[in-house]
Amino acid sequence: MLELVFACFIGISIGTLTGMIPGIHVNTAGAILFASSAFLLGFLSPEFLCVLMVSMSVAHALTEFVPSMLLGVPQEGTATSVLPGHRMVLQGRSKEVIRIVAIGGFGAIVITILMMPVFAITLPFLHELTKPYTWIILLSASVYLTYALTNSKRDFAWSLLLFLLSGILGWTIFQTPISSGVSLMCIFSGLFGISTILFSLNDNSTIHHQNNFYELNIDLNKFKSIFAGGITGAILGFLPGFGPAQGTVIAQAASGTNDNSEDDTVNFLLATSGLNISDCLFSLMAIYIIGNPRSGIAVYMSYLISDMSINHLMIFIFASLIAVSISLVLCLKLGDSFSKLMGGVDYRKLSVAVIILQIGILYIFTLYYKAPIFYMVLALITSTALGMLPHYIGVGKSHLMGVLIIPAIVIYMQMFI
């Protein structure tokens, strides 16, 4: 048991490191571990590696909010098209933002674990019942969520086009023999990372002075938002291809919040951060509950332990609780330090450095996996250009999640038609 606790702490360290580096996806670190598993299993148990991956995944999901909240901050006039958290940073409330997302993620994991008996009873039946119709559910939900995330017919038309274009990009790159870890890292860096920072540079964005004081009181409405995030994350883990962006609409409906009202911004962020962390944990639980891994880390774990038992599940839940508790403290400490750093550096130079870092990391993994460099450059340029379109059009970037949803729809159509 002591060795599993040690594995948990190693995973937390790796997850915190990858979470704080923009552009690094946790699946990439998982892919490296899995690729090295043949060697590592010579002196480590499969359970050791799986606990390491679980804790790494949870720690990454929580700490990645720090750079995502404080980098790529747009001007005040365009902040509504990115994230409500960025609006709070523009108001000098970065420390408050970090505490909101940290508490939302921590609470959602606790809710997900407490609700696990209910999920274990109901979801296997629902999974078998809906499996032949998964592509219809995904398609219908995508159209509805696209409509719900737009305010006009013009925006709806543009959003559908972006959804389709990103889906075509995803389907194209997934047809190549390139490792999915590298390909996902490439297109996600372009769609959501580099493109956002480039746009903020074009806007001559600046980081305002950040307040040292903050106030966050957990009341019934905030608890309801955390609960909504935890439940929504499980729903997302159940639906392949859907991510936190789509779950935001469900969480808003469940918690009765929106991202435009100042009073509801905190509740909105609590629900959104909660569903992100809950989705991370439930995708691992799905191996045992429905026998179907819902994330890259979960896939690697299913290969390491082919016969998942209730004992394994309890160990992984225990590891996730340790990971989220320690990561909560790390997130607050790193967030405060990062906030002070942002106030004392040239934002433009820092943003350029982050872009160079993302591209450098991508090339390192491209060479490691022996992927064709020219093809990866083309994919990065294409995804970055596509990722900048929502900023200029004035719609949300969540519609670019078609990069995962459309391939999932096509795959399920091929399976059951």
Protein backbone atom coordinates (compact mmCIF):
# COMPACT_ATOMS: atom_id res chain seq x y z
CA MET A 1 0.00 0.00 0.00
CA LEU A 2 2.87 2.37 0.80
CA GLU A 3 4.20 2.06 -2.73
CA LEU A 4 0.80 3.12 -4.11
CA VAL A 5 0.86 6.24 -1.94
CA PHE A 6 4.33 6.94 -3.33
CA ALA A 7 2.96 6.46 -6.85
CA CYS A 8 0.20 8.96 -6.03
CA PHE A 9 2.70 11.64 -5.02
CA ILE A 10 4.77 11.05 -8.17
CA GLY A 11 1.61 11.39 -10.27
CA ILE A 12 0.67 14.64 -8.51
CA SER A 13 4.13 16.05 -9.24
CA ILE A 14 3.97 15.13 -12.93
CA GLY A 15 0.37 16.33 -13.29
CA THR A 16 1.17 19.67 -11.66
CA LEU A 17 4.13 20.16 -13.98
CA THR A 18 2.17 19.31 -17.15
CA GLY A 19 -0.80 21.37 -15.97
CA MET A 20 1.34 24.48 -15.54
CA ILE A 21 2.89 24.19 -19.02
CA PRO A 22 0.49 25.57 -21.67
CA GLY A 23 -0.10 23.22 -24.58
CA ILE A 24 0.76 20.00 -22.77
CA HIS A 25 -2.16 17.59 -22.59
CA VAL A 26 -2.26 14.99 -19.85
CA ASN A 27 -2.81 12.29 -22.49
CA THR A 28 0.63 13.10 -23.89
CA ALA A 29 2.31 12.39 -20.55
CA GLY A 30 0.15 9.26 -20.27
CA ALA A 31 1.25 8.14 -23.71
CA ILE A 32 4.92 8.43 -22.72
CA LEU A 33 4.31 6.42 -19.54
CA PHE A 34 2.38 3.78 -21.45
CA ALA A 35 5.06 3.57 -24.14
CA SER A 36 7.59 2.95 -21.36
CA SER A 37 5.38 0.44 -19.54
CA ALA A 38 7.10 -2.61 -21.03
CA PHE A 39 10.29 -1.49 -19.29
CA LEU A 40 8.65 -0.11 -16.13
CA LEU A 41 6.61 -3.27 -15.50
CA GLY A 42 9.89 -5.10 -15.00
CA PHE A 43 10.12 -3.60 -11.51
CA LEU A 44 6.75 -1.83 -10.95
CA SER A 45 3.26 -3.29 -10.68
CA PRO A 46 0.40 -2.40 -13.07
CA GLU A 47 -1.45 -0.94 -10.08
CA PHE A 48 1.51 1.38 -9.38
CA LEU A 49 1.41 2.78 -12.92
CA CYS A 50 -2.37 3.13 -12.89
CA VAL A 51 -2.41 5.00 -9.57
CA LEU A 52 0.31 7.25 -10.96
CA MET A 53 -1.85 7.96 -14.03
CA VAL A 54 -5.00 8.59 -11.98
CA SER A 55 -3.32 11.10 -9.67
CA MET A 56 -1.49 12.71 -12.59
CA SER A 57 -4.77 13.14 -14.49
CA VAL A 58 -6.57 14.73 -11.52
CA ALA A 59 -3.67 17.02 -10.61
CA HIS A 60 -3.31 18.16 -14.23
CA ALA A 61 -7.04 18.86 -14.58
CA LEU A 62 -7.01 21.13 -11.52
CA THR A 63 -3.71 23.00 -11.96
CA GLU A 64 -4.21 23.64 -15.69
CA PHE A 65 -6.75 26.30 -14.70
CA VAL A 66 -3.89 28.54 -13.51
CA PRO A 67 -2.26 29.22 -16.91
CA SER A 68 -5.58 29.00 -18.78
CA MET A 69 -7.12 31.72 -16.59
CA LEU A 70 -4.10 34.05 -16.69
CA LEU A 71 -2.80 33.59 -20.25
CA GLY A 72 -4.52 34.58 -23.47
CA VAL A 73 -6.48 37.35 -21.72
CA PRO A 74 -8.23 39.51 -24.35
CA GLN A 75 -9.20 43.16 -24.30
CA GLU A 76 -12.24 44.24 -22.33
CA GLY A 77 -14.32 44.62 -25.50
CA THR A 78 -13.74 41.03 -26.63
CA ALA A 79 -13.60 39.25 -23.28
CA THR A 80 -17.19 38.01 -23.59
CA SER A 81 -16.18 35.82 -26.54
CA VAL A 82 -13.59 33.90 -24.52
CA LEU A 83 -14.11 33.12 -20.83
CA PRO A 84 -15.84 34.86 -17.93
CA GLY A 85 -12.73 34.09 -15.90
CA HIS A 86 -10.75 36.38 -18.17
CA ARG A 87 -13.20 39.20 -17.46
CA MET A 88 -12.46 38.80 -13.76
CA VAL A 89 -8.71 38.90 -14.44
CA LEU A 90 -9.26 42.17 -16.31
CA GLN A 91 -10.93 43.44 -13.12
CA GLY A 92 -7.86 42.48 -11.06
CA ARG A 93 -9.57 39.46 -9.46
CA SER A 94 -7.19 36.68 -10.52
CA LYS A 95 -6.73 35.35 -6.98
CA GLU A 96 -10.48 35.06 -6.61
CA VAL A 97 -10.76 33.25 -9.95
CA ILE A 98 -8.16 30.67 -8.97
CA ARG A 99 -9.97 29.98 -5.68
CA ILE A 100 -13.31 29.62 -7.46
CA VAL A 101 -12.09 27.06 -9.99
CA ALA A 102 -10.05 25.18 -7.37
CA ILE A 103 -12.98 24.84 -4.97
CA GLY A 104 -15.34 23.96 -7.84
CA GLY A 105 -13.05 21.16 -8.99
CA PHE A 106 -12.48 19.81 -5.50
CA GLY A 107 -16.19 19.82 -4.63
CA ALA A 108 -17.19 18.20 -7.91
CA ILE A 109 -14.86 15.25 -7.39
CA VAL A 110 -16.34 14.66 -3.95
CA ILE A 111 -19.86 14.81 -5.43
CA THR A 112 -18.90 12.37 -8.22
CA ILE A 113 -17.48 9.88 -5.71
CA LEU A 114 -20.55 10.13 -3.46
CA MET A 115 -22.84 9.58 -6.46
CA MET A 116 -20.85 6.61 -7.74
CA PRO A 117 -23.26 3.96 -6.35
CA VAL A 118 -26.10 5.61 -8.26
CA PHE A 119 -24.00 5.72 -11.44
CA ALA A 120 -22.94 2.09 -11.00
CA ILE A 121 -26.59 0.97 -10.84
CA THR A 122 -28.14 3.12 -13.58
CA LEU A 123 -25.45 3.75 -16.20
CA PRO A 124 -24.73 0.16 -17.34
CA PHE A 125 -28.42 -0.24 -18.25
CA LEU A 126 -28.56 3.17 -19.95
CA HIS A 127 -25.33 2.47 -21.80
CA GLU A 128 -26.63 -0.75 -23.35
CA LEU A 129 -29.98 0.85 -24.12
CA THR A 130 -28.58 3.92 -25.86
CA LYS A 131 -25.47 2.48 -27.54
CA PRO A 132 -27.13 1.91 -30.97
CA TYR A 133 -28.47 5.46 -30.87
CA THR A 134 -25.34 7.18 -29.58
CA TRP A 135 -24.66 8.90 -32.90
CA ILE A 136 -28.22 10.29 -32.97
CA ILE A 137 -27.87 11.55 -29.39
CA LEU A 138 -24.52 13.16 -30.20
CA LEU A 139 -25.84 14.78 -33.38
CA SER A 140 -29.04 16.07 -31.76
CA ALA A 141 -27.24 17.33 -28.68
CA SER A 142 -24.59 19.06 -30.82
CA VAL A 143 -27.19 20.96 -32.86
CA TYR A 144 -29.12 21.94 -29.73
CA LEU A 145 -26.03 23.05 -27.82
CA THR A 146 -24.78 25.03 -30.82
CA TYR A 147 -28.14 26.81 -30.91
CA ALA A 148 -28.14 27.36 -27.14
CA LEU A 149 -24.66 28.90 -27.24
CA THR A 150 -25.59 31.51 -29.89
CA ASN A 151 -27.71 34.65 -29.80
CA SER A 152 -28.69 35.16 -33.44
CA LYS A 153 -29.26 33.31 -36.72
CA ARG A 154 -25.98 34.72 -38.04
CA ASP A 155 -24.05 33.38 -35.07
CA PHE A 156 -25.84 30.03 -35.31
CA ALA A 157 -24.89 29.68 -39.00
CA TRP A 158 -21.26 30.59 -38.31
CA SER A 159 -21.14 28.27 -35.30
CA LEU A 160 -22.44 25.33 -37.33
CA LEU A 161 -19.83 26.04 -40.02
CA LEU A 162 -17.05 26.13 -37.43
CA PHE A 163 -18.39 22.93 -35.91
CA LEU A 164 -18.31 21.18 -39.30
CA LEU A 165 -14.89 22.55 -40.29
CA SER A 166 -13.32 21.49 -37.00
CA GLY A 167 -14.97 18.07 -37.40
CA ILE A 168 -13.47 17.66 -40.87
CA LEU A 169 -10.07 18.64 -39.45
CA GLY A 170 -10.44 16.10 -36.65
CA TRP A 171 -11.57 13.29 -38.95
CA THR A 172 -8.73 14.00 -41.38
CA ILE A 173 -5.97 13.95 -38.79
CA PHE A 174 -7.39 10.87 -37.03
CA GLN A 175 -7.15 8.94 -40.32
CA THR A 176 -3.38 9.28 -40.29
CA PRO A 177 -1.07 6.73 -38.60
CA ILE A 178 0.30 9.51 -36.36
CA SER A 179 0.01 8.88 -32.61
CA SER A 180 -3.28 10.26 -31.28
CA GLY A 181 -1.42 11.89 -28.38
CA VAL A 182 0.72 13.99 -30.71
CA SER A 183 -2.09 14.76 -33.16
CA LEU A 184 -4.44 15.88 -30.37
CA MET A 185 -1.69 17.99 -28.84
CA CYS A 186 -1.10 19.63 -32.22
CA ILE A 187 -4.68 20.52 -33.12
CA PHE A 188 -5.68 21.51 -29.57
CA SER A 189 -2.62 23.76 -29.29
CA GLY A 190 -3.70 25.46 -32.50
CA LEU A 191 -7.46 25.59 -31.92
CA PHE A 192 -7.47 26.70 -28.28
CA GLY A 193 -3.95 27.68 -27.24
CA ILE A 194 -1.81 29.51 -29.79
CA SER A 195 -4.78 31.07 -31.58
CA THR A 196 -6.13 32.65 -28.38
CA ILE A 197 -2.75 34.08 -27.41
CA LEU A 198 -2.14 35.40 -30.95
CA PHE A 199 -5.49 37.17 -30.88
CA SER A 200 -4.73 38.73 -27.50
CA LEU A 201 -1.41 39.98 -28.91
CA ASN A 202 -3.26 41.50 -31.85
CA ASP A 203 -5.46 43.34 -29.34
CA ASN A 204 -2.46 44.74 -27.46
CA SER A 205 -3.80 43.18 -24.28
CA THR A 206 -2.37 44.02 -20.88
CA ILE A 207 -2.68 42.43 -17.46
CA HIS A 208 -4.23 44.89 -15.03
CA HIS A 209 -3.02 45.25 -11.45
CA GLN A 210 -4.28 42.28 -9.46
CA ASN A 211 -5.94 42.80 -6.10
CA ASN A 212 -4.41 41.12 -3.08
CA PHE A 213 -7.78 40.82 -1.37
CA TYR A 214 -10.57 38.43 -2.26
CA GLU A 215 -13.81 37.18 -0.78
CA LEU A 216 -15.46 33.85 -1.46
CA ASN A 217 -18.31 32.59 0.68
CA ILE A 218 -19.90 29.23 -0.13
CA ASP A 219 -23.70 29.51 0.09
CA LEU A 220 -26.54 27.30 -1.14
CA ASN A 221 -26.43 28.65 -4.71
CA LYS A 222 -22.70 28.04 -4.97
CA PHE A 223 -23.09 24.54 -3.59
CA LYS A 224 -25.82 23.92 -6.17
CA SER A 225 -23.40 25.01 -8.92
CA ILE A 226 -20.71 22.65 -7.62
CA PHE A 227 -23.24 19.81 -7.49
CA ALA A 228 -24.39 20.62 -11.05
CA GLY A 229 -20.78 20.54 -12.23
CA GLY A 230 -20.18 17.13 -10.66
CA ILE A 231 -23.30 15.59 -12.21
CA THR A 232 -22.68 17.20 -15.60
CA GLY A 233 -19.12 15.89 -15.64
CA ALA A 234 -20.48 12.35 -15.28
CA ILE A 235 -22.86 12.96 -18.19
CA LEU A 236 -19.96 14.19 -20.31
CA GLY A 237 -17.94 11.12 -19.38
CA PHE A 238 -20.88 9.04 -20.58
CA LEU A 239 -21.12 10.79 -23.99
CA PRO A 240 -18.02 10.28 -26.19
CA GLY A 241 -16.57 13.40 -27.80
CA PHE A 242 -18.31 15.90 -25.55
CA GLY A 243 -16.13 18.13 -23.44
CA PRO A 244 -16.51 20.81 -20.77
CA ALA A 245 -17.44 23.40 -23.40
CA GLN A 246 -20.64 21.54 -24.28
CA GLY A 247 -21.28 20.61 -20.66
CA THR A 248 -21.31 24.29 -19.77
CA VAL A 249 -24.79 24.65 -21.25
CA ILE A 250 -26.06 21.65 -19.27
CA ALA A 251 -24.42 22.94 -16.09
CA GLN A 252 -25.96 26.37 -16.63
CA ALA A 253 -29.41 24.85 -16.99
CA ALA A 254 -28.93 22.65 -13.92
CA SER A 255 -27.57 25.44 -11.71
CA GLY A 256 -29.69 28.26 -13.11
CA THR A 257 -26.67 30.45 -13.91
CA ASN A 258 -25.19 32.19 -16.93
CA ASP A 259 -21.87 33.81 -17.75
CA ASN A 260 -23.19 37.28 -18.54
CA SER A 261 -24.61 38.34 -15.17
CA GLU A 262 -22.02 39.58 -12.70
CA ASP A 263 -23.88 37.92 -9.84
CA ASP A 264 -23.84 34.56 -11.59
CA THR A 265 -20.26 34.61 -12.88
CA VAL A 266 -18.90 32.91 -9.76
CA ASN A 267 -21.56 30.18 -9.88
CA PHE A 268 -20.90 29.72 -13.59
CA LEU A 269 -17.17 29.24 -12.99
CA LEU A 270 -17.81 26.84 -10.12
CA ALA A 271 -20.02 24.68 -12.34
CA THR A 272 -17.65 24.83 -15.31
CA SER A 273 -14.52 23.96 -13.33
CA GLY A 274 -16.43 21.27 -11.48
CA LEU A 275 -17.61 19.53 -14.61
CA ASN A 276 -14.07 19.58 -16.03
CA ILE A 277 -12.62 17.74 -13.02
CA SER A 278 -15.64 15.45 -12.65
CA ASP A 279 -15.41 14.48 -16.33
CA CYS A 280 -11.74 13.60 -15.77
CA LEU A 281 -12.57 11.26 -12.87
CA PHE A 282 -15.69 9.70 -14.37
CA SER A 283 -13.86 8.83 -17.59
CA LEU A 284 -11.67 6.60 -15.39
CA MET A 285 -14.64 5.18 -13.46
CA ALA A 286 -16.30 4.27 -16.76
CA ILE A 287 -13.79 1.42 -17.19
CA TYR A 288 -15.46 -0.40 -14.31
CA ILE A 289 -19.02 0.93 -14.57
CA ILE A 290 -19.67 0.44 -18.31
CA GLY A 291 -16.50 -1.38 -19.34
CA ASN A 292 -15.60 1.41 -21.76
CA PRO A 293 -12.74 3.89 -21.13
CA ARG A 294 -13.67 7.49 -21.97
CA SER A 295 -10.26 9.19 -22.08
CA GLY A 296 -6.73 8.56 -23.24
CA ILE A 297 -5.52 7.91 -19.69
CA ALA A 298 -8.40 5.48 -19.14
CA VAL A 299 -7.48 3.60 -22.32
CA TYR A 300 -3.89 3.17 -21.14
CA MET A 301 -5.13 1.95 -17.75
CA SER A 302 -7.47 -0.57 -19.37
CA TYR A 303 -4.49 -2.08 -21.19
CA LEU A 304 -2.42 -2.26 -18.00
CA ILE A 305 -5.26 -3.86 -15.98
CA SER A 306 -7.53 -5.81 -18.31
CA ASP A 307 -9.82 -7.11 -15.55
CA MET A 308 -10.85 -4.11 -13.46
CA SER A 309 -12.29 -5.09 -10.07
CA ILE A 310 -14.07 -3.17 -7.33
CA ASN A 311 -10.83 -3.23 -5.32
CA HIS A 312 -9.02 -1.48 -8.15
CA LEU A 313 -11.79 1.11 -8.33
CA MET A 314 -11.56 1.82 -4.59
CA ILE A 315 -7.79 2.27 -4.85
CA PHE A 316 -8.20 4.71 -7.73
CA ILE A 317 -10.87 6.69 -5.88
CA PHE A 318 -8.61 6.91 -2.83
CA ALA A 319 -5.75 8.09 -5.06
CA SER A 320 -7.98 10.72 -6.69
CA LEU A 321 -9.01 12.08 -3.28
CA ILE A 322 -5.38 12.42 -2.21
CA ALA A 323 -4.49 14.00 -5.56
CA VAL A 324 -7.32 16.55 -5.58
CA SER A 325 -6.68 17.52 -1.94
CA ILE A 326 -2.98 18.18 -2.45
CA SER A 327 -3.57 19.75 -5.87
CA LEU A 328 -6.08 22.16 -4.32
CA VAL A 329 -3.33 23.59 -2.12
CA LEU A 330 -0.81 23.60 -4.97
CA CYS A 331 -3.29 25.32 -7.27
CA LEU A 332 -3.85 28.14 -4.76
CA LYS A 333 -0.14 28.60 -4.07
CA LEU A 334 0.86 28.47 -7.74
CA GLY A 335 -2.06 30.70 -8.73
CA ASP A 336 -1.04 33.41 -6.27
CA SER A 337 2.60 33.22 -7.39
CA PHE A 338 1.63 33.26 -11.04
CA SER A 339 -0.66 36.24 -10.42
CA LYS A 340 2.21 38.23 -8.90
CA LEU A 341 4.48 37.21 -11.79
CA MET A 342 1.95 38.36 -14.36
CA GLY A 343 1.81 41.82 -12.80
CA GLY A 344 5.56 42.34 -13.07
CA VAL A 345 6.40 41.13 -16.57
CA ASP A 346 5.80 42.30 -20.11
CA TYR A 347 2.63 40.45 -21.13
CA ARG A 348 3.46 40.57 -24.83
CA LYS A 349 6.92 39.05 -24.31
CA LEU A 350 5.48 36.40 -21.99
CA SER A 351 2.80 35.49 -24.55
CA VAL A 352 5.38 35.16 -27.33
CA ALA A 353 7.50 32.99 -25.03
CA VAL A 354 4.49 30.75 -24.32
CA ILE A 355 3.81 30.34 -28.05
CA ILE A 356 7.44 29.43 -28.69
CA LEU A 357 7.32 26.99 -25.76
CA GLN A 358 4.18 25.29 -27.12
CA ILE A 359 5.68 24.95 -30.60
CA GLY A 360 8.98 23.69 -29.15
CA ILE A 361 7.23 21.05 -27.03
CA LEU A 362 5.16 19.97 -30.02
CA TYR A 363 8.29 19.47 -32.13
CA ILE A 364 9.98 17.50 -29.36
CA PHE A 365 7.07 15.06 -29.26
CA THR A 366 6.85 15.04 -33.06
CA LEU A 367 10.46 13.87 -33.23
CA TYR A 368 9.93 11.44 -30.31
CA TYR A 369 7.02 9.72 -32.06
CA LYS A 370 8.68 10.07 -35.50
CA ALA A 371 5.72 11.91 -36.98
CA PRO A 372 6.19 13.72 -40.33
CA ILE A 373 7.27 17.28 -39.50
CA PHE A 374 5.79 18.88 -42.64
CA TYR A 375 2.40 17.34 -41.96
CA MET A 376 2.46 18.48 -38.32
CA VAL A 377 3.40 22.04 -39.38
CA LEU A 378 0.48 22.06 -41.82
CA ALA A 379 -1.90 20.73 -39.16
CA LEU A 380 -0.72 23.33 -36.62
CA ILE A 381 -1.10 26.24 -39.07
CA THR A 382 -4.55 25.03 -40.15
CA SER A 383 -5.82 24.52 -36.60
CA THR A 384 -4.42 27.89 -35.47
CA ALA A 385 -6.11 29.70 -38.37
CA LEU A 386 -9.39 27.93 -37.62
CA GLY A 387 -8.99 28.72 -33.92
CA MET A 388 -8.72 32.44 -34.63
CA LEU A 389 -11.97 32.61 -36.63
CA PRO A 390 -14.34 32.60 -33.60
CA HIS A 391 -12.57 35.67 -32.19
CA TYR A 392 -13.08 37.69 -35.36
CA ILE A 393 -16.61 36.39 -36.00
CA GLY A 394 -17.68 36.99 -32.42
CA VAL A 395 -18.82 33.51 -31.36
CA GLY A 396 -17.58 31.11 -28.69
CA LYS A 397 -14.72 28.72 -29.31
CA SER A 398 -16.65 25.79 -27.84
CA HIS A 399 -18.05 25.04 -31.30
CA LEU A 400 -14.57 23.90 -32.33
CA MET A 401 -15.12 20.79 -30.19
CA GLY A 402 -16.57 19.34 -33.37
CA VAL A 403 -12.97 18.21 -33.85
CA LEU A 404 -13.82 15.32 -31.47
CA ILE A 405 -17.60 15.07 -31.71
CA ILE A 406 -17.97 14.63 -35.48
CA PRO A 407 -15.43 11.77 -35.66
CA ALA A 408 -17.31 10.12 -32.76
CA ILE A 409 -20.62 10.52 -34.63
CA VAL A 410 -19.15 8.98 -37.79
CA ILE A 411 -17.62 6.05 -35.91
CA TYR A 412 -20.87 5.22 -34.10
CA MET A 413 -22.82 5.52 -37.36
CA GLN A 414 -20.48 3.01 -39.00
CA MET A 415 -20.89 0.65 -36.04
CA PHE A 416 -24.69 0.58 -35.91
CA ILE A 417 -25.92 1.36 -39.42
